[in-house]
C-alpha atoms as a PDB file:
ATOM      1  CA  MET A   1       0.000   0.000   0.000  1.00  0.00           C
ATOM      2  CA  LEU A   2       1.024   3.551  -0.669  1.00  0.00           C
ATOM      3  CA  ILE A   3      -0.197   6.177   1.812  1.00  0.00           C
ATOM      4  CA  LEU A   4      -0.086   9.924   1.187  1.00  0.00           C
ATOM      5  CA  CYS A   5      -1.230  12.607   3.628  1.00  0.00           C
ATOM      6  CA  LEU A   6      -1.159  16.338   2.865  1.00  0.00           C
ATOM      7  CA  ARG A   7      -2.024  18.734   5.676  1.00  0.00           C
ATOM      8  CA  ASP A   8      -1.918  22.497   6.100  1.00  0.00           C
ATOM      9  CA  SER A   9      -3.207  25.157   8.490  1.00  0.00           C
ATOM     10  CA  TRP A  10      -4.455  28.668   7.913  1.00  0.00           C
ATOM     11  CA  ASN A  11      -5.536  31.640   9.951  1.00  0.00           C
ATOM     12  CA  ARG A  12      -3.379  30.884  13.008  1.00  0.00           C
ATOM     13  CA  ASN A  13      -4.200  27.162  13.037  1.00  0.00           C
ATOM     14  CA  THR A  14      -7.969  27.707  13.175  1.00  0.00           C
ATOM     15  CA  VAL A  15      -8.602  26.112   9.752  1.00  0.00           C
ATOM     16  CA  GLU A  16      -6.917  22.797   8.916  1.00  0.00           C
ATOM     17  CA  PRO A  17      -7.513  21.146   5.525  1.00  0.00           C
ATOM     18  CA  GLU A  18      -6.229  17.610   5.011  1.00  0.00           C
ATOM     19  CA  LEU A  19      -6.132  15.118   2.162  1.00  0.00           C
ATOM     20  CA  LYS A  20      -5.422  11.418   2.740  1.00  0.00           C
ATOM     21  CA  PHE A  21      -4.932   8.994  -0.142  1.00  0.00           C
ATOM     22  CA  ILE A  22      -4.386   5.263   0.296  1.00  0.00           C
ATOM     23  CA  LEU A  23      -3.576   3.227  -2.790  1.00  0.00           C
ATOM     24  CA  GLY A  24      -3.643  -0.560  -2.774  1.00  0.00           C
ATOM     25  CA  LEU A  25      -0.951  -1.330  -5.327  1.00  0.00           C
ATOM     26  CA  GLU A  26      -1.574  -5.054  -5.524  1.00  0.00           C
ATOM     27  CA  ASP A  27      -5.377  -4.896  -5.647  1.00  0.00           C
ATOM     28  CA  ARG A  28      -5.584  -1.656  -7.664  1.00  0.00           C
ATOM     29  CA  ASP A  29      -8.023   0.044  -5.320  1.00  0.00           C
ATOM     30  CA  TYR A  30      -7.969   3.274  -3.326  1.00  0.00           C
ATOM     31  CA  LEU A  31      -9.442   5.390  -0.544  1.00  0.00           C
ATOM     32  CA  LEU A  32      -9.509   9.176  -0.890  1.00  0.00           C
ATOM     33  CA  LYS A  33     -10.399  11.099   2.274  1.00  0.00           C
ATOM     34  CA  PRO A  34     -10.506  14.916   2.108  1.00  0.00           C
ATOM     35  CA  SER A  35     -11.377  16.784   5.309  1.00  0.00           C
ATOM     36  CA  ILE A  36     -11.395  20.227   6.862  1.00  0.00           C
ATOM     37  CA  LYS A  37     -11.532  21.339  10.506  1.00  0.00           C
ATOM     38  CA  ALA A  38     -12.445  24.784  11.755  1.00  0.00           C
ATOM     39  CA  LEU A  39     -11.952  26.062  15.305  1.00  0.00           C
ATOM     40  CA  PHE A  40     -14.066  28.984  16.557  1.00  0.00           C
ATOM     41  CA  HIS A  41     -13.231  30.947  19.716  1.00  0.00           C
ATOM     42  CA  ASP A  42     -10.977  28.097  21.000  1.00  0.00           C
ATOM     43  CA  GLU A  43     -14.105  26.227  22.110  1.00  0.00           C
ATOM     44  CA  LEU A  44     -16.131  25.111  19.087  1.00  0.00           C
ATOM     45  CA  GLU A  45     -14.707  22.752  16.485  1.00  0.00           C
ATOM     46  CA  PHE A  46     -16.469  21.745  13.282  1.00  0.00           C
ATOM     47  CA  SER A  47     -15.170  19.016  11.004  1.00  0.00           C
ATOM     48  CA  LEU A  48     -16.331  17.945   7.545  1.00  0.00           C
ATOM     49  CA  ALA A  49     -14.863  14.852   5.883  1.00  0.00           C
ATOM     50  CA  ALA A  50     -15.647  12.515   2.994  1.00  0.00           C
ATOM     51  CA  SER A  51     -14.556   8.974   2.151  1.00  0.00           C
ATOM     52  CA  ILE A  52     -14.393   8.024  -1.520  1.00  0.00           C
ATOM     53  CA  PHE A  53     -13.694   4.399  -2.426  1.00  0.00           C
ATOM     54  CA  GLY A  54     -12.841   2.909  -5.793  1.00  0.00           C
ATOM     55  CA  GLY A  55     -11.023   0.238  -7.705  1.00  0.00           C
ATOM     56  CA  ASP A  56     -11.154  -3.530  -8.075  1.00  0.00           C
ATOM     57  CA  GLU A  57     -13.971  -5.223  -6.127  1.00  0.00           C
ATOM     58  CA  GLY A  58     -11.626  -7.885  -4.763  1.00  0.00           C
ATOM     59  CA  GLY A  59      -9.454  -5.355  -2.949  1.00  0.00           C
ATOM     60  CA  ASN A  60      -9.579  -3.853   0.524  1.00  0.00           C
ATOM     61  CA  PHE A  61     -11.302  -0.648  -0.609  1.00  0.00           C
ATOM     62  CA  GLY A  62     -12.787  -1.548  -3.987  1.00  0.00           C
ATOM     63  CA  HIS A  63     -15.640  -3.603  -2.571  1.00  0.00           C
ATOM     64  CA  PHE A  64     -16.910  -0.385  -0.903  1.00  0.00           C
ATOM     65  CA  ASP A  65     -17.209   1.321  -4.300  1.00  0.00           C
ATOM     66  CA  GLU A  66     -20.524   3.196  -4.567  1.00  0.00           C
ATOM     67  CA  ARG A  67     -20.700   3.387  -0.752  1.00  0.00           C
ATOM     68  CA  ASP A  68     -18.976   6.752  -0.445  1.00  0.00           C
ATOM     69  CA  PHE A  69     -20.048   8.937   2.474  1.00  0.00           C
ATOM     70  CA  ILE A  70     -19.731  12.365   4.068  1.00  0.00           C
ATOM     71  CA  GLU A  71     -19.439  12.953   7.806  1.00  0.00           C
ATOM     72  CA  LEU A  72     -19.927  16.104   9.850  1.00  0.00           C
ATOM     73  CA  SER A  73     -18.816  16.423  13.466  1.00  0.00           C
ATOM     74  CA  PHE A  74     -19.091  19.115  16.100  1.00  0.00           C
ATOM     75  CA  SER A  75     -17.183  19.427  19.379  1.00  0.00           C
ATOM     76  CA  CYS A  76     -17.617  21.874  22.194  1.00  0.00           C
ATOM     77  CA  LEU A  77     -14.785  22.247  24.715  1.00  0.00           C
ATOM     78  CA  PHE A  78     -15.576  23.721  28.092  1.00  0.00           C
END
């Protein structure tokens, strides 16, 4: 497997985009997972992420093809 992760931060670390890519070389399948986190007033954190699967059905990720999803999370620190 080949794993790639690109991450950055903007606006004094309050916005953090990230892109993860996992490639199954032997099975020719992949997982692409873009996400972004936003921190408001050091207490509220919102996160939006997606998981996109593809490739050969016999692989680790390929059998999840057409089952892509989006997730939204919210955290409050107090």
